[in-house]
């Protein structure tokens, strides 16, 4: 059954590579392998680029129970077998070297309708997270190095972690968003946001991500059952645009992090938001950045850890205290790799 699913996913991705406007660079990459990861690359909508999904708590639990070797926190001998490696970039871009984050509150459904206060929580998290030791693990990954690289060692250009990473919020609330937006509609909203912020060229979008947040009760289909969020990219007249589909996280309850690890009912908002942010910083236009041999990114490998090394926890930022998950570090534990809440 698993082999059949893996083959079906492979064929779907292969079909995408033949028709996608991003395919000229992606087709040079090694095909993704889906067997062995519960997050990672998926086809959500026919004719659209694949997305990198954030697995639900239940799916990750089932995956780790079925694959004991995939459980994080185990002491391993130094090896590059489990590392993230560079996948060559898309148009030369693999990481965000000077990252900026824009938050888009899409649709009039947000007007006077935010029962969990998610808009303010997200904005405060993004305002404070730049320059933090939690986000700093992304800086060990770079672009401008050969495909297959597992340690930059000063080569190439590293992903950035500047203070002031948050660049603005767009309350696009003059009209309703679709009740359950499709990927193509989310991608179009990301392009509108780029135009709103006057990022109208490929170079102005080369280190930018747009977080498309939908209001309570109006998330995309599959939220809370197939994924908690996903990130992807779309080609457009303003260049390749990286974006995250961030549903109203508390609508999914415990499946997407409510009270995870005792961190409170709103924990999932920034656990998921931070997961997608860090993955985009290290794999801006999937799948040209840093992934392991099974297609997992730095967030996937450490998602929903409840105990031991790398367990989800609160971190203190200048804008408040927020729950986050750990992120994968190739350099951790003398090069054996592992999930970390701070770096170096």
Protein backbone atom coordinates (compact mmCIF):
# COMPACT_ATOMS: atom_id res chain seq x y z
CA UNK A 1 0.00 0.00 0.00
CA UNK A 2 2.81 2.42 0.93
CA UNK A 3 4.69 1.60 -2.27
CA UNK A 4 1.57 2.23 -4.36
CA UNK A 5 1.05 5.59 -2.64
CA UNK A 6 4.68 6.55 -3.13
CA UNK A 7 4.47 5.64 -6.84
CA UNK A 8 1.26 7.61 -7.28
CA UNK A 9 2.78 10.68 -5.64
CA UNK A 10 5.91 10.35 -7.76
CA UNK A 11 3.88 10.19 -10.98
CA UNK A 12 1.82 13.18 -9.91
CA UNK A 13 4.93 15.24 -9.24
CA UNK A 14 6.49 14.09 -12.51
CA UNK A 15 3.38 15.27 -14.35
CA UNK A 16 3.66 18.65 -12.64
CA UNK A 17 7.28 19.01 -13.65
CA UNK A 18 6.36 18.58 -17.31
CA UNK A 19 3.79 21.39 -17.33
CA UNK A 20 4.67 23.84 -14.55
CA UNK A 21 6.13 27.26 -15.38
CA UNK A 22 8.79 26.51 -12.75
CA UNK A 23 9.59 23.14 -14.30
CA UNK A 24 12.64 24.18 -16.31
CA UNK A 25 14.67 24.45 -13.13
CA UNK A 26 12.85 21.85 -11.05
CA UNK A 27 13.20 19.06 -13.61
CA UNK A 28 16.95 19.04 -13.01
CA UNK A 29 16.42 18.08 -9.36
CA UNK A 30 16.37 14.52 -8.17
CA UNK A 31 12.76 13.25 -7.90
CA UNK A 32 11.36 13.38 -4.40
CA UNK A 33 10.88 10.19 -2.42
CA UNK A 34 7.68 10.17 -0.37
CA UNK A 35 8.12 6.90 1.48
CA UNK A 36 9.58 7.76 4.86
CA UNK A 37 8.09 11.17 5.65
CA UNK A 38 4.62 12.23 6.70
CA UNK A 39 5.16 15.90 5.87
CA UNK A 40 6.74 17.20 2.72
CA UNK A 41 5.83 17.55 -0.94
CA UNK A 42 2.24 16.91 -2.04
CA UNK A 43 -0.02 17.76 -4.95
CA UNK A 44 -3.04 19.63 -3.58
CA UNK A 45 -4.59 21.03 -6.77
CA UNK A 46 -4.16 19.81 -10.33
CA UNK A 47 -2.16 22.24 -12.44
CA UNK A 48 -0.59 23.92 -9.41
CA UNK A 49 2.96 23.46 -8.07
CA UNK A 50 3.30 20.96 -5.23
CA UNK A 51 3.12 22.21 -1.66
CA UNK A 52 5.14 21.33 1.42
CA UNK A 53 2.60 20.28 4.05
CA UNK A 54 2.81 20.50 7.84
CA UNK A 55 1.48 17.19 9.18
CA UNK A 56 -1.15 17.07 11.91
CA UNK A 57 -0.29 15.86 15.40
CA UNK A 58 -2.13 12.57 14.79
CA UNK A 59 -0.42 11.87 11.47
CA UNK A 60 3.01 12.55 12.93
CA UNK A 61 2.29 10.31 15.90
CA UNK A 62 1.19 7.45 13.64
CA UNK A 63 4.24 7.94 11.44
CA UNK A 64 6.70 7.79 14.34
CA UNK A 65 4.99 4.75 15.84
CA UNK A 66 5.33 2.95 12.51
CA UNK A 67 8.90 4.17 11.93
CA UNK A 68 10.87 3.97 15.21
CA UNK A 69 14.06 4.93 13.36
CA UNK A 70 12.45 8.30 12.54
CA UNK A 71 11.88 9.27 16.16
CA UNK A 72 13.94 12.35 17.02
CA UNK A 73 16.15 12.72 20.03
CA UNK A 74 17.99 9.41 19.66
CA UNK A 75 21.77 9.53 20.00
CA UNK A 76 23.42 8.59 16.72
CA UNK A 77 26.95 8.30 15.47
CA UNK A 78 28.17 11.23 13.40
CA UNK A 79 26.90 10.76 9.86
CA UNK A 80 25.50 12.81 6.98
CA UNK A 81 22.88 10.17 6.11
CA UNK A 82 20.12 11.96 8.03
CA UNK A 83 21.17 15.49 7.08
CA UNK A 84 19.43 18.10 5.03
CA UNK A 85 21.24 18.66 1.75
CA UNK A 86 21.11 21.41 -0.84
CA UNK A 87 18.93 20.77 -3.88
CA UNK A 88 20.37 23.31 -6.30
CA UNK A 89 17.93 26.19 -5.98
CA UNK A 90 15.18 27.44 -8.29
CA UNK A 91 16.55 30.12 -10.54
CA UNK A 92 19.60 30.20 -8.28
CA UNK A 93 17.53 30.79 -5.15
CA UNK A 94 17.48 28.14 -2.44
CA UNK A 95 17.29 30.12 0.82
CA UNK A 96 16.17 33.55 1.95
CA UNK A 97 19.38 35.49 2.37
CA UNK A 98 17.65 38.66 3.65
CA UNK A 99 14.23 37.36 4.71
CA UNK A 100 11.14 39.52 5.03
CA UNK A 101 7.70 38.35 6.12
CA UNK A 102 4.38 39.92 5.18
CA UNK A 103 1.19 38.88 6.96
CA UNK A 104 -2.01 38.97 4.91
CA UNK A 105 -5.36 38.81 6.72
CA UNK A 106 -7.46 37.72 3.77
CA UNK A 107 -11.16 38.48 3.55
CA UNK A 108 -13.86 40.53 5.24
CA UNK A 109 -14.54 37.44 7.38
CA UNK A 110 -11.77 38.79 9.64
CA UNK A 111 -13.77 41.94 10.46
CA UNK A 112 -14.65 41.86 14.16
CA UNK A 113 -14.25 38.09 14.04
CA UNK A 114 -11.03 36.78 15.57
CA UNK A 115 -12.09 34.76 18.64
CA UNK A 116 -8.60 33.44 19.43
CA UNK A 117 -6.81 36.70 18.70
CA UNK A 118 -4.70 34.98 16.05
CA UNK A 119 -3.95 38.12 14.04
CA UNK A 120 -2.30 39.89 16.98
CA UNK A 121 -0.47 36.74 18.12
CA UNK A 122 1.00 36.18 14.66
CA UNK A 123 1.99 39.82 14.20
CA UNK A 124 3.72 39.97 17.59
CA UNK A 125 5.52 36.69 16.93
CA UNK A 126 6.80 37.80 13.52
CA UNK A 127 7.81 41.20 14.91
CA UNK A 128 9.97 39.61 17.57
CA UNK A 129 11.34 36.44 16.01
CA UNK A 130 13.96 37.97 13.72
CA UNK A 131 17.45 37.68 15.19
CA UNK A 132 16.36 35.17 17.82
CA UNK A 133 18.53 32.21 18.76
CA UNK A 134 15.57 29.96 17.84
CA UNK A 135 15.51 31.17 14.23
CA UNK A 136 19.29 31.31 13.99
CA UNK A 137 19.63 27.64 12.98
CA UNK A 138 18.60 28.62 9.45
CA UNK A 139 21.91 30.46 9.03
CA UNK A 140 23.88 27.22 8.71
CA UNK A 141 22.16 26.63 5.34
CA UNK A 142 23.13 28.51 2.19
CA UNK A 143 22.81 28.84 -1.56
CA UNK A 144 25.41 29.09 -4.29
CA UNK A 145 26.94 25.72 -3.41
CA UNK A 146 26.83 22.41 -5.31
CA UNK A 147 23.74 20.22 -5.08
CA UNK A 148 24.23 17.59 -2.39
CA UNK A 149 26.14 19.91 -0.06
CA UNK A 150 25.41 19.13 3.60
CA UNK A 151 27.66 21.71 5.28
CA UNK A 152 28.30 25.20 3.90
CA UNK A 153 31.47 25.78 5.97
CA UNK A 154 31.53 29.44 4.97
CA UNK A 155 30.86 28.79 1.30
CA UNK A 156 27.94 30.28 -0.62
CA UNK A 157 25.52 32.82 0.82
CA UNK A 158 23.75 31.81 4.03
CA UNK A 159 20.11 32.20 4.94
CA UNK A 160 19.61 35.35 6.98
CA UNK A 161 18.14 35.93 10.42
CA UNK A 162 17.95 39.71 10.77
CA UNK A 163 16.07 41.65 13.41
CA UNK A 164 13.08 43.40 11.92
CA UNK A 165 12.20 40.45 9.70
CA UNK A 166 8.53 41.45 9.81
CA UNK A 167 7.84 43.83 6.93
CA UNK A 168 4.13 44.59 7.20
CA UNK A 169 0.54 43.46 7.48
CA UNK A 170 -2.16 43.73 4.78
CA UNK A 171 -5.76 43.55 5.98
CA UNK A 172 -7.35 42.66 2.65
CA UNK A 173 -10.84 42.89 4.09
CA UNK A 174 -12.90 44.96 1.65
CA UNK A 175 -14.62 41.83 0.28
CA UNK A 176 -15.00 38.21 1.40
CA UNK A 177 -12.34 35.63 0.71
CA UNK A 178 -13.57 32.32 -0.75
CA UNK A 179 -15.28 30.18 1.88
CA UNK A 180 -12.70 27.41 1.41
CA UNK A 181 -9.98 28.80 -0.87
CA UNK A 182 -8.18 26.56 -3.33
CA UNK A 183 -4.43 26.63 -3.73
CA UNK A 184 -4.69 28.65 -6.95
CA UNK A 185 -6.77 31.28 -5.13
CA UNK A 186 -4.27 31.46 -2.27
CA UNK A 187 -1.45 31.85 -4.78
CA UNK A 188 -3.32 34.67 -6.54
CA UNK A 189 -3.82 36.42 -3.18
CA UNK A 190 -0.07 36.18 -2.55
CA UNK A 191 0.58 37.89 -5.88
CA UNK A 192 -1.94 40.62 -4.98
CA UNK A 193 -0.12 41.09 -1.69
CA UNK A 194 3.20 41.44 -3.50
CA UNK A 195 1.67 44.16 -5.65
CA UNK A 196 0.14 45.81 -2.59
CA UNK A 197 3.60 46.07 -1.01
CA UNK A 198 5.14 47.20 -4.33
CA UNK A 199 7.22 44.05 -4.67
CA UNK A 200 6.73 43.92 -8.42
CA UNK A 201 9.93 42.31 -9.69
CA UNK A 202 11.66 38.97 -9.34
CA UNK A 203 14.47 40.58 -7.35
CA UNK A 204 12.08 42.25 -4.90
CA UNK A 205 10.45 38.86 -4.20
CA UNK A 206 13.70 36.89 -4.07
CA UNK A 207 13.89 36.82 -0.26
CA UNK A 208 10.25 37.44 0.69
CA UNK A 209 7.41 35.27 1.98
CA UNK A 210 3.71 36.08 2.22
CA UNK A 211 1.66 34.43 4.97
CA UNK A 212 -1.95 34.19 3.76
CA UNK A 213 -4.02 33.84 6.93
CA UNK A 214 -7.69 32.92 6.56
CA UNK A 215 -10.41 33.70 9.10
CA UNK A 216 -12.11 31.28 11.45
CA UNK A 217 -14.39 28.85 9.68
CA UNK A 218 -13.02 29.69 6.24
CA UNK A 219 -9.90 27.56 5.94
CA UNK A 220 -8.93 25.55 2.87
CA UNK A 221 -10.27 22.02 2.62
CA UNK A 222 -8.03 19.39 4.20
CA UNK A 223 -7.05 21.64 7.09
CA UNK A 224 -6.89 19.73 10.36
CA UNK A 225 -7.17 16.34 8.68
CA UNK A 226 -4.57 16.31 5.90
CA UNK A 227 -2.38 19.18 7.09
CA UNK A 228 -2.13 22.10 9.50
CA UNK A 229 -0.64 24.50 6.93
CA UNK A 230 1.52 24.41 3.82
CA UNK A 231 3.94 26.58 1.89
CA UNK A 232 4.58 26.76 -1.82
CA UNK A 233 5.43 29.23 -4.57
CA UNK A 234 3.80 30.51 -7.72
CA UNK A 235 5.24 32.04 -10.88
CA UNK A 236 3.74 35.38 -11.87
CA UNK A 237 4.32 38.70 -13.59
CA UNK A 238 6.11 39.87 -10.42
CA UNK A 239 8.43 36.87 -10.37
CA UNK A 240 8.31 33.71 -8.29
CA UNK A 241 6.32 34.40 -5.13
CA UNK A 242 6.72 32.28 -1.97
CA UNK A 243 3.67 32.00 0.25
CA UNK A 244 2.18 30.08 3.16
CA UNK A 245 -1.41 28.93 3.48
CA UNK A 246 -2.02 29.55 7.20
CA UNK A 247 -5.56 28.50 8.21
CA UNK A 248 -7.19 29.66 11.45
CA UNK A 249 -5.13 27.25 13.53
CA UNK A 250 -7.24 27.03 16.68
CA UNK A 251 -10.20 25.80 14.60
CA UNK A 252 -8.40 22.44 14.38
CA UNK A 253 -7.95 22.12 18.16
CA UNK A 254 -5.42 19.55 19.34
CA UNK A 255 -4.82 18.25 15.80
CA UNK A 256 -2.81 21.41 15.08
CA UNK A 257 -1.35 22.16 18.48
CA UNK A 258 -3.94 23.41 20.94
CA UNK A 259 -2.47 22.67 24.40
CA UNK A 260 0.37 20.72 22.80
CA UNK A 261 2.95 19.80 25.43
CA UNK A 262 0.99 21.82 27.97
CA UNK A 263 1.80 25.07 26.16
CA UNK A 264 -1.72 26.47 26.17
CA UNK A 265 -4.74 26.64 23.87
CA UNK A 266 -3.04 29.04 21.45
CA UNK A 267 0.25 27.14 21.19
CA UNK A 268 -0.42 25.83 17.70
CA UNK A 269 -0.66 29.31 16.20
CA UNK A 270 3.05 30.05 16.51
CA UNK A 271 4.22 26.42 16.43
CA UNK A 272 2.69 26.11 12.96
CA UNK A 273 3.44 29.68 11.90
CA UNK A 274 7.09 29.31 12.94
CA UNK A 275 7.38 25.91 11.25
CA UNK A 276 6.28 27.36 7.90
CA UNK A 277 8.41 30.49 8.30
CA UNK A 278 11.62 28.53 8.96
CA UNK A 279 10.94 26.07 6.15
CA UNK A 280 10.45 28.90 3.66
CA UNK A 281 13.66 30.54 4.84
CA UNK A 282 15.60 27.37 4.00
CA UNK A 283 13.56 26.17 0.99
CA UNK A 284 11.96 29.27 -0.45
CA UNK A 285 10.80 27.80 -3.75
CA UNK A 286 10.18 24.09 -3.07
CA UNK A 287 12.00 21.88 -3.61
CA UNK A 288 15.17 23.72 -4.49
CA UNK A 289 16.48 24.37 -0.99
CA UNK A 290 17.47 22.16 1.93
CA UNK A 291 15.70 18.81 2.38
CA UNK A 292 16.64 15.36 3.57
CA UNK A 293 16.63 12.21 1.44
CA UNK A 294 12.94 11.58 2.15
CA UNK A 295 11.86 15.11 1.23
CA UNK A 296 11.51 16.53 4.75
CA UNK A 297 12.50 20.13 5.50
CA UNK A 298 14.00 21.54 8.69
CA UNK A 299 10.56 21.88 10.30
CA UNK A 300 9.16 18.51 9.20
CA UNK A 301 11.97 16.58 10.83
CA UNK A 302 11.17 18.07 14.23
CA UNK A 303 7.40 18.49 14.12
CA UNK A 304 5.28 17.71 17.18
CA UNK A 305 7.99 16.47 19.54
CA UNK A 306 6.56 16.30 23.04
CA UNK A 307 9.50 15.07 25.11
CA UNK A 308 13.26 14.71 25.12
CA UNK A 309 15.72 16.59 22.92
CA UNK A 310 13.96 19.15 20.76
CA UNK A 311 10.57 19.05 22.50
CA UNK A 312 8.29 22.00 21.69
CA UNK A 313 8.60 24.80 24.25
CA UNK A 314 7.97 28.47 24.95
CA UNK A 315 10.60 31.00 23.94
CA UNK A 316 10.87 34.60 25.13
CA UNK A 317 11.07 37.32 22.48
CA UNK A 318 11.00 41.09 22.85
CA UNK A 319 7.32 41.02 21.87
CA UNK A 320 6.21 38.28 24.25
CA UNK A 321 6.46 34.57 24.98
CA UNK A 322 5.51 32.16 22.22
CA UNK A 323 5.33 28.40 21.73
CA UNK A 324 7.60 26.99 19.01
CA UNK A 325 8.82 23.64 17.80
CA UNK A 326 12.49 22.84 17.37
CA UNK A 327 14.23 22.99 13.99
CA UNK A 328 16.64 20.53 12.43
CA UNK A 329 20.33 21.36 12.68
CA UNK A 330 22.86 19.39 10.64
CA UNK A 331 25.59 20.69 12.94
CA UNK A 332 24.06 19.54 16.20
CA UNK A 333 25.74 16.82 18.30
CA UNK A 334 29.11 16.99 16.55
CA UNK A 335 27.58 16.65 13.11
CA UNK A 336 25.14 13.82 13.75
CA UNK A 337 22.28 16.30 13.50
CA UNK A 338 19.24 16.86 15.65
CA UNK A 339 16.34 19.08 16.64
CA UNK A 340 17.29 22.31 18.42
CA UNK A 341 15.50 25.24 20.03
CA UNK A 342 18.51 27.52 19.75
CA UNK A 343 21.67 27.79 17.60
CA UNK A 344 24.56 27.68 17.86
